[in-house]
Amino acid sequence: MLKQVKSRVNKLARVLRDEIDEEGINQIIDTAEQINEKIGLVSDGNGQGLLFGQVQSGKTNNMLMTIAKASDNGHRLFVVLTSDNLWLYEQTLERVQESLPGLLTLGKDSWNVNSMTSRVETALKHTGVVLVATKNSRILPKMKDFIEQHISNNLRAIIFDDEADQASLNTLANSDKDELSRINGDIVDIRNYFERHVFIQVTATPQALFLQGANTTFRPDFTIIFKPGKGYVGGESFFEENSHTMRLFQDTEIESLMNGENYENIHNGLAIPTGLRQALCTFFIGAALKICEGEGTNYTFLCHVSHKQDDHIRLETIINGFITKLTLALHEDDMPEREIV
């Protein structure tokens, strides 16, 4: 007789110990247990809820632990929908495969493999299957075809919609057309195939979800909030009142950038507004320190001053001009505008 399979929760906890301390792991397990109380038993009916946490605060780990716990509870089918971003999809697929090795995890490249039928049947009977797909109008129908060919509709599915406020909602809801937007319709088709399923929306920005109609299937009936782990730095650290990282600047700076005042000097990297200059120099110093300490080589500066693309093209030209002049000033002592820069 085969030995009883050890808890997938414990297995995943061992994997996470390489990057998270014991307190953080216990917190993730606690969140997974809360969600699974809402998910219920394999024999239960439909449900829909929200897994809510801060931006970049460990949503994937909480989702993985929820799958592990649900698998321990007897659930056998899991679907993970990601944003329509190939890099993010591949990252998610790899994370699931590495974190839950006992489950059969299949991405879009496996759906046309003829020999997959027996593997899926065996996994659904003894271990479990995780299907990972991007929210793409070509990918989702193919996944639905695969599900219809290989998986019974009376199996209770647990569907995770990562970044649930992106593309998933019906963008035609306020139009005169009595139809669903493409991605929303694809997700509805997948959900409707199953006689029973649980739909878990995962996001850090759930406002649009709660604005859905009270009786719609895209408004969560329950919400589980998870806390970020130790060392997390998020929006509260940067934008709350009295934040030590926040610096104020004059509103007129944006006007001068966008309206062309002193455009020639600003365009050439000279006399750019003080606030923008300080922001750029702070970024350069911070990036240089990280490079010196061996903490990566690629960093990003975000400057958002308008909803118009043309304004940001203009801003890019201004910033590149300043970077050019600053580089010259650092390397050429006889540069005429050195003191200005």
Protein backbone atom coordinates (compact mmCIF):
# COMPACT_ATOMS: atom_id res chain seq x y z
CA MET A 1 0.00 0.00 0.00
CA LEU A 2 1.24 3.49 -0.89
CA LYS A 3 2.08 5.79 1.98
CA GLN A 4 -0.36 8.61 2.61
CA VAL A 5 0.59 11.81 0.76
CA LYS A 6 1.90 14.44 3.13
CA SER A 7 0.10 17.75 3.42
CA ARG A 8 0.68 20.05 0.45
CA VAL A 9 0.47 22.96 2.86
CA ASN A 10 3.50 21.64 4.74
CA LYS A 11 5.37 20.97 1.50
CA LEU A 12 4.75 24.51 0.26
CA ALA A 13 5.74 25.93 3.65
CA ARG A 14 9.14 24.23 3.28
CA VAL A 15 9.57 25.80 -0.16
CA LEU A 16 8.68 29.26 1.15
CA ARG A 17 11.19 29.06 4.02
CA ASP A 18 13.94 29.98 1.57
CA GLU A 19 12.46 33.48 1.24
CA ILE A 20 10.03 34.03 4.14
CA ASP A 21 10.41 33.73 7.90
CA GLU A 22 8.24 31.45 10.04
CA GLU A 23 5.89 34.25 11.12
CA GLY A 24 5.27 35.22 7.50
CA ILE A 25 4.58 31.62 6.48
CA ASN A 26 2.12 31.15 9.33
CA GLN A 27 0.36 34.33 8.23
CA ILE A 28 0.03 32.96 4.68
CA ILE A 29 -1.30 29.64 6.00
CA ASP A 30 -3.83 31.50 8.14
CA THR A 31 -5.07 33.42 5.09
CA ALA A 32 -5.37 30.18 3.10
CA GLU A 33 -7.43 28.62 5.88
CA GLN A 34 -9.76 31.62 5.95
CA ILE A 35 -10.36 31.42 2.21
CA ASN A 36 -10.91 27.68 2.34
CA GLU A 37 -13.55 28.13 5.00
CA LYS A 38 -15.40 30.24 2.41
CA ILE A 39 -14.63 27.78 -0.41
CA GLY A 40 -16.19 24.98 1.58
CA LEU A 41 -16.42 21.30 0.74
CA VAL A 42 -16.00 19.58 -2.60
CA SER A 43 -19.71 18.81 -2.52
CA ASP A 44 -20.78 22.45 -1.97
CA GLY A 45 -22.25 24.74 -4.63
CA ASN A 46 -21.12 27.98 -6.25
CA GLY A 47 -19.31 30.84 -4.57
CA GLN A 48 -17.41 34.00 -5.41
CA GLY A 49 -15.10 36.12 -3.32
CA LEU A 50 -12.14 38.46 -3.19
CA LEU A 51 -8.56 37.95 -2.04
CA PHE A 52 -7.36 41.46 -1.31
CA GLY A 53 -3.87 42.70 -0.44
CA GLN A 54 -1.47 45.55 -1.04
CA VAL A 55 0.38 45.96 -4.35
CA GLN A 56 3.32 43.53 -4.61
CA SER A 57 2.68 42.20 -1.10
CA GLY A 58 2.59 38.45 -1.75
CA LYS A 59 -0.65 37.73 -3.60
CA THR A 60 0.89 34.81 -5.49
CA ASN A 61 2.12 33.08 -2.33
CA ASN A 62 -1.31 33.45 -0.74
CA MET A 63 -2.97 32.08 -3.87
CA LEU A 64 -0.57 29.12 -4.00
CA MET A 65 -1.15 28.30 -0.34
CA THR A 66 -4.90 28.50 -0.90
CA ILE A 67 -4.55 25.93 -3.70
CA ALA A 68 -2.41 23.73 -1.46
CA LYS A 69 -4.98 23.86 1.34
CA ALA A 70 -7.89 23.23 -1.03
CA SER A 71 -6.01 20.26 -2.48
CA ASP A 72 -5.54 18.87 1.02
CA ASN A 73 -9.30 19.29 1.46
CA GLY A 74 -10.02 17.14 -1.59
CA HIS A 75 -10.44 19.66 -4.43
CA ARG A 76 -8.91 18.47 -7.67
CA LEU A 77 -9.29 21.23 -10.29
CA PHE A 78 -7.82 24.74 -10.20
CA VAL A 79 -7.76 27.41 -12.90
CA VAL A 80 -5.47 30.45 -12.69
CA LEU A 81 -6.12 33.39 -15.03
CA THR A 82 -3.35 35.97 -15.35
CA SER A 83 -3.06 39.35 -17.05
CA ASP A 84 -2.48 39.24 -20.80
CA ASN A 85 1.28 39.53 -20.36
CA LEU A 86 3.52 36.72 -21.56
CA TRP A 87 6.25 37.38 -19.00
CA LEU A 88 3.77 37.39 -16.13
CA TYR A 89 2.10 34.24 -17.45
CA GLU A 90 5.39 32.37 -17.70
CA GLN A 91 6.41 33.56 -14.23
CA THR A 92 3.09 32.39 -12.76
CA LEU A 93 3.26 29.03 -14.55
CA GLU A 94 6.79 28.44 -13.28
CA ARG A 95 5.87 29.45 -9.72
CA VAL A 96 2.94 27.01 -9.64
CA GLN A 97 5.06 24.17 -11.05
CA GLU A 98 7.88 24.76 -8.56
CA SER A 99 5.65 25.36 -5.53
CA LEU A 100 3.08 22.60 -6.10
CA PRO A 101 5.06 19.76 -7.73
CA GLY A 102 2.51 17.10 -6.77
CA LEU A 103 -0.16 18.69 -8.97
CA LEU A 104 -0.28 18.46 -12.75
CA THR A 105 0.20 22.06 -13.90
CA LEU A 106 -0.59 22.77 -17.54
CA GLY A 107 -0.10 25.93 -19.57
CA LYS A 108 -1.27 26.83 -23.05
CA ASP A 109 1.47 24.81 -24.76
CA SER A 110 0.08 21.56 -23.30
CA TRP A 111 -3.49 21.88 -24.50
CA ASN A 112 -2.91 20.42 -27.95
CA VAL A 113 -0.96 17.39 -26.75
CA ASN A 114 -3.01 14.27 -27.58
CA SER A 115 -1.38 12.14 -24.90
CA MET A 116 -2.55 14.51 -22.17
CA THR A 117 -5.95 12.80 -21.76
CA SER A 118 -4.76 9.93 -19.59
CA ARG A 119 -2.50 12.18 -17.51
CA VAL A 120 -5.36 14.57 -16.77
CA GLU A 121 -7.72 11.73 -15.86
CA THR A 122 -5.16 10.20 -13.50
CA ALA A 123 -4.30 13.53 -11.88
CA LEU A 124 -7.95 14.46 -11.35
CA LYS A 125 -8.53 11.12 -9.66
CA HIS A 126 -5.49 11.05 -7.37
CA THR A 127 -3.75 14.46 -7.08
CA GLY A 128 -5.08 17.48 -8.93
CA VAL A 129 -4.76 19.69 -12.01
CA VAL A 130 -3.89 23.38 -12.30
CA LEU A 131 -4.60 25.15 -15.59
CA VAL A 132 -2.82 28.48 -16.15
CA ALA A 133 -3.85 30.91 -18.90
CA THR A 134 -3.63 34.57 -19.84
CA LYS A 135 -6.79 36.63 -20.21
CA ASN A 136 -6.45 36.70 -23.97
CA SER A 137 -9.25 36.41 -26.52
CA ARG A 138 -7.39 33.65 -28.41
CA ILE A 139 -6.14 31.72 -25.39
CA LEU A 140 -9.28 31.49 -23.24
CA PRO A 141 -11.47 29.75 -25.88
CA LYS A 142 -8.70 27.18 -26.42
CA MET A 143 -8.55 26.50 -22.69
CA LYS A 144 -12.34 26.09 -22.63
CA ASP A 145 -12.11 23.56 -25.48
CA PHE A 146 -9.44 21.65 -23.55
CA ILE A 147 -11.60 21.63 -20.43
CA GLU A 148 -14.65 20.39 -22.34
CA GLN A 149 -12.62 17.57 -23.92
CA HIS A 150 -10.82 16.35 -20.79
CA ILE A 151 -12.72 17.44 -17.67
CA SER A 152 -16.23 16.61 -16.49
CA ASN A 153 -18.54 19.56 -15.84
CA ASN A 154 -19.73 18.07 -12.55
CA LEU A 155 -16.27 18.50 -11.02
CA ARG A 156 -16.17 21.50 -8.67
CA ALA A 157 -13.59 23.98 -10.00
CA ILE A 158 -11.77 26.71 -8.10
CA ILE A 159 -10.99 29.58 -10.46
CA PHE A 160 -8.55 32.36 -9.53
CA ASP A 161 -8.75 35.60 -11.51
CA ASP A 162 -5.48 37.44 -10.89
CA GLU A 163 -5.70 41.23 -11.36
CA ALA A 164 -9.45 40.70 -11.50
CA ASP A 165 -10.23 44.34 -12.29
CA GLN A 166 -8.22 44.11 -15.53
CA ALA A 167 -10.11 42.92 -18.64
CA SER A 168 -12.38 40.53 -16.70
CA LEU A 169 -15.33 42.85 -16.18
CA ASN A 170 -17.94 43.57 -18.85
CA THR A 171 -16.82 46.80 -20.51
CA LEU A 172 -20.09 46.96 -22.47
CA ALA A 173 -22.27 47.02 -19.36
CA ASN A 174 -23.23 50.68 -19.86
CA SER A 175 -23.70 50.49 -23.62
CA ASP A 176 -26.91 49.90 -25.54
CA LYS A 177 -25.65 46.52 -26.68
CA ASP A 178 -27.06 43.51 -24.87
CA GLU A 179 -23.80 41.57 -25.02
CA LEU A 180 -20.62 40.89 -23.09
CA SER A 181 -17.16 42.21 -23.87
CA ARG A 182 -14.85 39.58 -25.33
CA ILE A 183 -12.75 38.57 -22.29
CA ASN A 184 -15.68 38.85 -19.91
CA GLY A 185 -17.72 36.57 -22.18
CA ASP A 186 -14.90 34.02 -22.35
CA ILE A 187 -14.62 33.91 -18.56
CA VAL A 188 -18.40 33.58 -18.23
CA ASP A 189 -18.34 30.64 -20.68
CA ILE A 190 -15.66 28.85 -18.64
CA ARG A 191 -17.53 29.44 -15.38
CA ASN A 192 -20.85 28.36 -16.85
CA TYR A 193 -19.41 25.08 -18.10
CA PHE A 194 -19.09 23.83 -14.54
CA GLU A 195 -22.20 22.92 -12.60
CA ARG A 196 -20.40 24.09 -9.44
CA HIS A 197 -17.39 26.36 -9.05
CA VAL A 198 -15.79 28.98 -6.79
CA PHE A 199 -14.58 32.17 -8.43
CA ILE A 200 -11.87 34.00 -6.45
CA GLN A 201 -10.91 37.47 -7.62
CA VAL A 202 -7.38 38.56 -6.67
CA THR A 203 -6.39 42.23 -6.78
CA ALA A 204 -4.99 45.17 -4.85
CA THR A 205 -7.46 47.57 -6.50
CA PRO A 206 -10.97 46.13 -6.03
CA GLN A 207 -13.02 49.33 -6.44
CA ALA A 208 -14.46 48.31 -9.82
CA LEU A 209 -15.51 44.92 -8.43
CA PHE A 210 -17.65 46.46 -5.70
CA LEU A 211 -19.29 48.79 -8.25
CA GLN A 212 -20.74 45.79 -10.07
CA GLY A 213 -24.48 45.18 -9.68
CA ALA A 214 -25.55 43.47 -6.47
CA ASN A 215 -26.75 40.36 -8.28
CA THR A 216 -23.93 40.02 -10.81
CA THR A 217 -21.48 37.11 -10.71
CA PHE A 218 -18.47 39.45 -10.75
CA ARG A 219 -19.22 41.16 -7.45
CA PRO A 220 -17.55 39.31 -4.52
CA ASP A 221 -19.79 37.84 -1.83
CA PHE A 222 -16.93 37.61 0.64
CA THR A 223 -13.56 39.30 1.10
CA ILE A 224 -10.40 37.94 2.68
CA ILE A 225 -7.71 40.52 3.41
CA PHE A 226 -4.11 39.44 3.86
CA LYS A 227 -1.36 41.51 5.43
CA PRO A 228 2.02 42.08 3.80
CA GLY A 229 5.04 40.45 5.38
CA LYS A 230 7.97 41.98 7.21
CA GLY A 231 9.93 44.62 5.36
CA TYR A 232 7.09 45.48 2.98
CA VAL A 233 7.19 49.03 1.64
CA GLY A 234 4.03 50.15 -0.14
CA GLY A 235 1.85 53.13 -0.89
CA GLU A 236 1.26 53.97 2.76
CA SER A 237 5.00 54.49 3.26
CA PHE A 238 5.21 56.89 0.33
CA PHE A 239 1.96 58.80 0.19
CA GLU A 240 0.47 59.11 3.68
CA GLU A 241 0.61 62.47 5.44
CA ASN A 242 3.99 63.19 7.08
CA SER A 243 5.74 60.55 4.98
CA HIS A 244 9.49 61.15 5.10
CA THR A 245 9.78 60.11 1.44
CA MET A 246 7.37 62.73 0.06
CA ARG A 247 8.55 66.06 -1.34
CA LEU A 248 6.30 68.90 -2.47
CA PHE A 249 6.89 71.08 -5.52
CA GLN A 250 5.22 74.09 -7.08
CA ASP A 251 2.20 73.42 -9.31
CA THR A 252 3.63 75.91 -11.78
CA GLU A 253 6.41 73.45 -12.62
CA ILE A 254 4.05 71.20 -14.56
CA GLU A 255 2.61 74.21 -16.36
CA SER A 256 6.08 75.37 -17.40
CA LEU A 257 6.95 71.90 -18.66
CA MET A 258 3.75 71.47 -20.66
CA ASN A 259 3.16 75.02 -21.87
CA GLY A 260 6.57 75.70 -23.36
CA GLU A 261 7.89 78.42 -21.06
CA ASN A 262 11.68 78.70 -21.46
CA TYR A 263 11.33 75.68 -23.74
CA GLU A 264 14.72 75.95 -25.46
CA ASN A 265 16.75 75.82 -22.24
CA ILE A 266 14.53 73.14 -20.71
CA HIS A 267 14.63 71.07 -23.90
CA ASN A 268 18.45 71.25 -23.93
CA GLY A 269 18.67 69.98 -20.36
CA LEU A 270 19.21 73.39 -18.79
CA ALA A 271 16.96 75.18 -16.32
CA ILE A 272 14.54 72.30 -15.85
CA PRO A 273 12.18 72.85 -12.91
CA THR A 274 13.69 72.32 -9.45
CA GLY A 275 11.27 69.58 -8.41
CA LEU A 276 11.97 67.46 -11.49
CA ARG A 277 15.72 68.04 -11.15
CA GLN A 278 15.70 66.93 -7.50
CA ALA A 279 13.57 63.89 -8.28
CA LEU A 280 15.92 62.79 -11.06
CA CYS A 281 19.08 63.36 -9.03
CA THR A 282 17.61 61.48 -6.05
CA PHE A 283 16.81 58.57 -8.36
CA PHE A 284 20.33 58.58 -9.86
CA ILE A 285 21.99 58.56 -6.44
CA GLY A 286 19.72 55.80 -5.15
CA ALA A 287 20.33 53.67 -8.25
CA ALA A 288 24.10 54.24 -8.01
CA LEU A 289 24.13 53.12 -4.38
CA LYS A 290 22.25 49.93 -5.23
CA ILE A 291 24.60 49.16 -8.12
CA CYS A 292 27.61 49.68 -5.83
CA GLU A 293 26.07 47.29 -3.31
CA GLY A 294 25.34 44.70 -5.99
CA GLU A 295 21.54 45.00 -5.82
CA GLY A 296 20.70 44.64 -9.50
CA THR A 297 21.44 46.83 -12.50
CA ASN A 298 18.06 47.91 -13.82
CA TYR A 299 15.89 50.59 -12.16
CA THR A 300 12.91 52.64 -13.27
CA PHE A 301 11.98 56.30 -12.81
CA LEU A 302 8.26 57.11 -13.13
CA CYS A 303 7.13 60.63 -14.01
CA HIS A 304 3.41 61.01 -14.72
CA VAL A 305 2.22 64.57 -15.35
CA SER A 306 -0.62 64.17 -17.84
CA HIS A 307 -3.10 61.73 -19.37
CA LYS A 308 -1.92 62.70 -22.87
CA GLN A 309 0.69 60.68 -24.74
CA ASP A 310 2.11 63.74 -26.51
CA ASP A 311 2.83 65.39 -23.15
CA HIS A 312 4.86 62.39 -22.04
CA ILE A 313 6.79 62.31 -25.31
CA ARG A 314 7.69 65.95 -24.67
CA LEU A 315 8.63 65.11 -21.08
CA GLU A 316 10.84 62.24 -22.26
CA THR A 317 12.71 64.66 -24.52
CA ILE A 318 13.21 67.08 -21.62
CA ILE A 319 14.49 64.36 -19.26
CA ASN A 320 16.85 62.92 -21.88
CA GLY A 321 18.22 66.42 -22.48
CA PHE A 322 18.94 66.83 -18.77
CA ILE A 323 20.59 63.39 -18.55
CA THR A 324 22.83 64.30 -21.49
CA LYS A 325 23.90 67.61 -19.94
CA LEU A 326 24.40 66.02 -16.51
CA THR A 327 26.58 63.27 -18.00
CA LEU A 328 28.73 65.85 -19.80
CA ALA A 329 29.00 67.99 -16.67
CA LEU A 330 30.26 65.02 -14.65
CA HIS A 331 32.93 64.16 -17.22
CA GLU A 332 34.00 67.52 -18.70
CA ASP A 333 35.36 70.12 -16.28
CA ASP A 334 35.47 72.79 -18.99
CA MET A 335 31.83 72.44 -20.01
CA PRO A 336 30.41 76.01 -20.26
CA GLU A 337 27.05 75.19 -18.65
CA ARG A 338 28.54 72.98 -15.92
CA GLU A 339 27.49 75.20 -13.03
CA ILE A 340 23.95 75.57 -14.39
CA VAL A 341 23.45 71.82 -14.59
